[in-house]
N, C-alpha and C. Protein backbone atom coordinates (compact mmCIF):
# COMPACT_ATOMS: atom_id res chain seq x y z
N MET A 1 -0.44 22.17 50.20
CA MET A 1 -0.34 20.73 50.29
C MET A 1 -0.81 20.29 51.67
N MET A 2 -1.87 19.54 51.66
CA MET A 2 -2.38 19.04 52.93
C MET A 2 -1.77 17.70 53.28
N ALA A 3 -1.26 16.99 52.30
CA ALA A 3 -0.63 15.70 52.56
C ALA A 3 0.77 15.93 53.10
N SER A 4 1.12 15.13 54.07
CA SER A 4 2.45 15.29 54.66
C SER A 4 3.42 14.32 53.98
N LEU A 5 3.98 14.77 52.87
CA LEU A 5 4.96 13.98 52.13
C LEU A 5 6.30 14.69 52.21
N SER A 6 7.34 13.91 52.23
CA SER A 6 8.67 14.52 52.18
C SER A 6 8.87 15.10 50.79
N GLU A 7 9.86 15.96 50.65
CA GLU A 7 10.14 16.57 49.35
C GLU A 7 10.44 15.49 48.30
N GLU A 8 11.16 14.47 48.69
CA GLU A 8 11.50 13.38 47.76
C GLU A 8 10.27 12.60 47.34
N ASP A 9 9.41 12.29 48.30
CA ASP A 9 8.18 11.56 47.98
C ASP A 9 7.25 12.39 47.10
N LEU A 10 7.18 13.67 47.38
CA LEU A 10 6.34 14.56 46.58
C LEU A 10 6.88 14.65 45.15
N ALA A 11 8.20 14.78 45.01
CA ALA A 11 8.80 14.84 43.68
C ALA A 11 8.55 13.55 42.91
N ALA A 12 8.66 12.41 43.57
CA ALA A 12 8.40 11.13 42.92
C ALA A 12 6.94 11.01 42.51
N HIS A 13 6.04 11.48 43.35
CA HIS A 13 4.61 11.43 43.05
C HIS A 13 4.30 12.32 41.84
N ILE A 14 4.85 13.52 41.83
CA ILE A 14 4.61 14.44 40.71
C ILE A 14 5.18 13.85 39.42
N ASP A 15 6.37 13.28 39.49
CA ASP A 15 6.98 12.68 38.31
C ASP A 15 6.11 11.55 37.77
N GLY A 16 5.61 10.71 38.65
CA GLY A 16 4.73 9.61 38.22
C GLY A 16 3.44 10.12 37.61
N LEU A 17 2.88 11.15 38.20
CA LEU A 17 1.63 11.73 37.69
C LEU A 17 1.83 12.32 36.30
N VAL A 18 2.89 13.08 36.12
CA VAL A 18 3.16 13.69 34.82
C VAL A 18 3.44 12.62 33.78
N THR A 19 4.19 11.60 34.14
CA THR A 19 4.48 10.51 33.21
C THR A 19 3.20 9.82 32.77
N THR A 20 2.31 9.57 33.69
CA THR A 20 1.02 8.95 33.36
C THR A 20 0.20 9.85 32.45
N LEU A 21 0.15 11.13 32.79
CA LEU A 21 -0.63 12.06 31.96
C LEU A 21 -0.12 12.11 30.53
N VAL A 22 1.19 12.12 30.36
CA VAL A 22 1.77 12.23 29.02
C VAL A 22 1.74 10.91 28.28
N ASP A 23 2.28 9.86 28.89
CA ASP A 23 2.46 8.59 28.18
C ASP A 23 1.19 7.78 28.01
N GLU A 24 0.36 7.75 29.02
CA GLU A 24 -0.83 6.90 28.97
C GLU A 24 -2.08 7.65 28.55
N ASN A 25 -2.28 8.82 29.11
CA ASN A 25 -3.52 9.56 28.86
C ASN A 25 -3.42 10.55 27.71
N LYS A 26 -2.20 10.87 27.30
CA LYS A 26 -1.98 11.88 26.25
C LYS A 26 -2.65 13.21 26.61
N ASP A 27 -2.67 13.52 27.89
CA ASP A 27 -3.26 14.77 28.38
C ASP A 27 -2.14 15.78 28.57
N TYR A 28 -1.71 16.35 27.45
CA TYR A 28 -0.57 17.25 27.46
C TYR A 28 -0.87 18.56 28.17
N VAL A 29 -2.10 19.00 28.10
CA VAL A 29 -2.47 20.27 28.73
C VAL A 29 -2.41 20.16 30.25
N ALA A 30 -2.91 19.07 30.80
CA ALA A 30 -2.84 18.87 32.26
C ALA A 30 -1.40 18.75 32.72
N ALA A 31 -0.59 18.02 31.96
CA ALA A 31 0.83 17.88 32.30
C ALA A 31 1.53 19.24 32.23
N ALA A 32 1.19 20.03 31.23
CA ALA A 32 1.77 21.37 31.10
C ALA A 32 1.41 22.25 32.29
N THR A 33 0.19 22.12 32.76
CA THR A 33 -0.24 22.90 33.93
C THR A 33 0.59 22.54 35.15
N ILE A 34 0.87 21.27 35.34
CA ILE A 34 1.70 20.85 36.47
C ILE A 34 3.10 21.42 36.34
N TYR A 35 3.67 21.32 35.13
CA TYR A 35 5.01 21.86 34.92
C TYR A 35 5.05 23.36 35.16
N ALA A 36 4.08 24.08 34.66
CA ALA A 36 4.09 25.55 34.79
C ALA A 36 3.79 26.00 36.21
N ASP A 37 2.72 25.48 36.79
CA ASP A 37 2.25 25.98 38.07
C ASP A 37 2.97 25.42 39.29
N HIS A 38 3.39 24.17 39.21
CA HIS A 38 3.96 23.53 40.40
C HIS A 38 5.47 23.30 40.30
N LEU A 39 5.95 23.00 39.11
CA LEU A 39 7.39 22.75 38.95
C LEU A 39 8.13 23.97 38.42
N HIS A 40 7.38 24.98 37.97
CA HIS A 40 7.95 26.23 37.45
C HIS A 40 8.93 25.98 36.30
N ASP A 41 8.61 24.99 35.48
CA ASP A 41 9.41 24.67 34.29
C ASP A 41 8.60 25.12 33.08
N ILE A 42 8.77 26.37 32.73
CA ILE A 42 7.96 27.01 31.70
C ILE A 42 8.26 26.43 30.32
N VAL A 43 9.51 26.15 30.04
CA VAL A 43 9.88 25.64 28.72
C VAL A 43 9.25 24.27 28.47
N THR A 44 9.33 23.38 29.45
CA THR A 44 8.70 22.06 29.29
C THR A 44 7.20 22.19 29.18
N ALA A 45 6.62 23.09 29.96
CA ALA A 45 5.18 23.32 29.87
C ALA A 45 4.79 23.78 28.47
N ALA A 46 5.56 24.69 27.90
CA ALA A 46 5.26 25.18 26.55
C ALA A 46 5.40 24.06 25.52
N ARG A 47 6.40 23.22 25.66
CA ARG A 47 6.57 22.10 24.73
C ARG A 47 5.37 21.15 24.81
N LEU A 48 4.90 20.90 26.02
CA LEU A 48 3.74 20.01 26.18
C LEU A 48 2.49 20.65 25.58
N LEU A 49 2.34 21.94 25.76
CA LEU A 49 1.19 22.61 25.16
C LEU A 49 1.24 22.49 23.64
N CYS A 50 2.41 22.60 23.06
CA CYS A 50 2.55 22.43 21.61
C CYS A 50 2.19 21.01 21.19
N ARG A 51 2.60 20.02 21.99
CA ARG A 51 2.24 18.63 21.67
C ARG A 51 0.73 18.45 21.70
N GLY A 52 0.06 19.23 22.52
CA GLY A 52 -1.39 19.19 22.58
C GLY A 52 -2.06 20.15 21.62
N SER A 53 -1.32 20.69 20.68
CA SER A 53 -1.81 21.63 19.66
C SER A 53 -2.36 22.92 20.25
N LYS A 54 -1.81 23.34 21.36
CA LYS A 54 -2.20 24.60 22.00
C LYS A 54 -1.09 25.63 21.81
N PHE A 55 -0.83 25.96 20.54
CA PHE A 55 0.30 26.81 20.19
C PHE A 55 0.16 28.22 20.75
N ALA A 56 -1.02 28.78 20.69
CA ALA A 56 -1.23 30.13 21.21
C ALA A 56 -1.01 30.17 22.72
N ASP A 57 -1.47 29.13 23.42
CA ASP A 57 -1.25 29.07 24.87
C ASP A 57 0.23 28.95 25.19
N ALA A 58 0.95 28.17 24.39
CA ALA A 58 2.40 28.02 24.60
C ALA A 58 3.11 29.35 24.38
N ALA A 59 2.75 30.06 23.32
CA ALA A 59 3.36 31.36 23.04
C ALA A 59 3.05 32.35 24.15
N ARG A 60 1.82 32.34 24.62
CA ARG A 60 1.42 33.24 25.71
C ARG A 60 2.21 32.95 26.98
N LEU A 61 2.35 31.68 27.32
CA LEU A 61 3.08 31.28 28.52
C LEU A 61 4.54 31.71 28.44
N LEU A 62 5.17 31.47 27.30
CA LEU A 62 6.56 31.87 27.13
C LEU A 62 6.72 33.38 27.21
N THR A 63 5.81 34.10 26.58
CA THR A 63 5.87 35.55 26.60
C THR A 63 5.68 36.11 28.01
N LEU A 64 4.74 35.56 28.74
CA LEU A 64 4.48 36.02 30.11
C LEU A 64 5.69 35.82 31.03
N HIS A 65 6.52 34.84 30.69
CA HIS A 65 7.66 34.52 31.55
C HIS A 65 8.99 34.99 30.94
N GLY A 66 8.90 35.96 30.03
CA GLY A 66 10.10 36.58 29.51
C GLY A 66 10.93 35.72 28.58
N LYS A 67 10.31 34.77 27.93
CA LYS A 67 11.03 33.89 27.01
C LYS A 67 10.53 34.08 25.58
N GLN A 68 10.36 35.36 25.19
CA GLN A 68 9.85 35.69 23.87
C GLN A 68 10.73 35.13 22.76
N SER A 69 12.01 35.00 22.99
CA SER A 69 12.93 34.54 21.96
C SER A 69 12.64 33.08 21.55
N MET A 70 11.91 32.35 22.38
CA MET A 70 11.59 30.96 22.07
C MET A 70 10.33 30.84 21.22
N VAL A 71 9.61 31.93 21.06
CA VAL A 71 8.40 31.92 20.24
C VAL A 71 8.82 32.17 18.80
N VAL A 72 8.45 31.23 17.94
CA VAL A 72 8.85 31.35 16.54
C VAL A 72 7.70 31.76 15.67
């Protein structure tokens, strides 16, 4: 991160970005990438991938992170 934002400002910025990606742009894959890579929320990332019809990617992500039981 080259921008000097406080943790709170960064969290608010990320939340706004993800909300825009999901609600306005319907870009579930980009939102999933943010959740997986930056927020480390694998379950939410997998759910977003499924919303974007990327079922194999969601299963792969869950499996890589030891959450095989969530793959149906």
